[in-house]
Amino acid sequence: MARSMAQKDPSDMLVTLDAEDVFDVGDQLDRISEPTLVIGGARDVFYTRELFKQIAARVKDGRVHICLHWGHGRTASSSTTANLGLGFFLAA
């Protein structure tokens, strides 16, 4: 799938990835006052399970849900992720 999405000139994606790597709002997470659900995949090659947990812990009412057998792509694109989020917000 990744090959089918590859572009001949990856410069835009590389700039985006560089910006993402240096963008850090960790010291501002305590300003989030609404219930927040962080959903991550345990097999994510870009972000660690520990990072997902740390983010949720730094938000006032943060929760984390780790999908054990999922990677980055599935977590980002699954309807299950949307359903988890919807259920969380309806329950709040």
Protein backbone atom coordinates (compact mmCIF):
# COMPACT_ATOMS: atom_id res chain seq x y z
CA MET A 1 0.00 0.00 0.00
CA ALA A 2 2.81 2.42 0.83
CA ARG A 3 4.26 2.09 -2.67
CA SER A 4 0.94 2.96 -4.25
CA MET A 5 0.87 6.16 -2.22
CA ALA A 6 4.50 7.10 -2.92
CA GLN A 7 5.09 10.27 -4.86
CA LYS A 8 7.88 10.90 -7.33
CA ASP A 9 8.90 13.99 -5.36
CA PRO A 10 8.66 13.27 -1.63
CA SER A 11 9.88 16.72 -0.54
CA ASP A 12 6.46 17.85 0.78
CA MET A 13 6.13 14.74 2.90
CA LEU A 14 9.69 15.10 4.21
CA VAL A 15 9.03 18.70 5.25
CA THR A 16 5.84 17.59 6.99
CA LEU A 17 7.66 14.82 8.86
CA ASP A 18 10.45 17.18 9.93
CA ALA A 19 7.90 19.67 11.25
CA GLU A 20 6.02 16.93 13.07
CA ASP A 21 9.21 15.75 14.76
CA VAL A 22 10.00 19.17 16.26
CA PHE A 23 6.41 20.19 17.08
CA ASP A 24 6.02 19.63 20.81
CA VAL A 25 3.08 20.86 22.85
CA GLY A 26 3.73 18.54 25.77
CA ASP A 27 4.10 21.37 28.26
CA GLN A 28 0.70 22.73 27.17
CA LEU A 29 -1.34 19.54 27.50
CA ASP A 30 -2.52 20.41 30.99
CA ARG A 31 -4.48 23.29 29.43
CA ILE A 32 -6.86 20.79 27.80
CA SER A 33 -9.87 20.68 30.10
CA GLU A 34 -12.24 18.45 28.13
CA PRO A 35 -12.22 14.66 28.47
CA THR A 36 -9.69 13.36 25.96
CA LEU A 37 -9.19 9.88 24.56
CA VAL A 38 -5.80 9.02 23.07
CA ILE A 39 -6.04 6.00 20.77
CA GLY A 40 -2.87 4.28 19.65
CA GLY A 41 -1.66 1.06 18.15
CA ALA A 42 0.81 -1.09 20.06
CA ARG A 43 2.53 -1.92 16.78
CA ASP A 44 2.83 1.70 15.65
CA VAL A 45 6.32 2.19 14.19
CA PHE A 46 6.17 5.98 14.55
CA TYR A 47 4.85 6.44 18.09
CA THR A 48 5.37 4.29 21.16
CA ARG A 49 2.80 2.91 23.53
CA GLU A 50 4.57 4.85 26.28
CA LEU A 51 4.11 8.13 24.37
CA PHE A 52 0.36 7.53 24.07
CA LYS A 53 0.19 6.88 27.82
CA GLN A 54 2.25 9.98 28.64
CA ILE A 55 0.04 12.20 26.51
CA ALA A 56 -3.13 10.92 28.18
CA ALA A 57 -1.57 11.33 31.63
CA ARG A 58 -0.69 14.99 30.96
CA VAL A 59 -4.26 15.95 30.01
CA LYS A 60 -6.52 16.75 33.00
CA ASP A 61 -9.13 14.12 32.08
CA GLY A 62 -7.10 12.04 29.68
CA ARG A 63 -7.61 8.36 28.93
CA VAL A 64 -5.69 6.02 26.67
CA HIS A 65 -6.83 3.06 24.60
CA ILE A 66 -4.12 0.90 23.03
CA CYS A 67 -5.15 -1.44 20.21
CA LEU A 68 -2.75 -4.32 20.79
CA HIS A 69 -2.43 -5.70 17.28
CA TRP A 70 -2.70 -2.46 15.34
CA GLY A 71 -0.08 -0.31 13.68
CA HIS A 72 -0.13 3.35 12.70
CA GLY A 73 -2.16 3.01 9.50
CA ARG A 74 -4.91 0.85 10.90
CA THR A 75 -5.32 3.01 13.97
CA ALA A 76 -5.59 6.13 11.83
CA SER A 77 -8.02 4.70 9.30
CA SER A 78 -10.20 2.16 11.11
CA SER A 79 -13.90 2.72 11.66
CA THR A 80 -13.32 1.05 15.03
CA THR A 81 -11.18 4.04 16.02
CA ALA A 82 -14.04 6.37 15.11
CA ASN A 83 -16.48 4.21 17.07
CA LEU A 84 -14.20 4.20 20.14
CA GLY A 85 -13.99 7.98 19.98
CA LEU A 86 -17.72 8.39 19.51
CA GLY A 87 -18.49 6.06 22.41
CA PHE A 88 -16.04 7.92 24.63
CA PHE A 89 -17.55 11.31 23.85
CA LEU A 90 -21.13 10.10 24.22
CA ALA A 91 -20.28 8.54 27.58
CA ALA A 92 -18.71 11.81 28.77
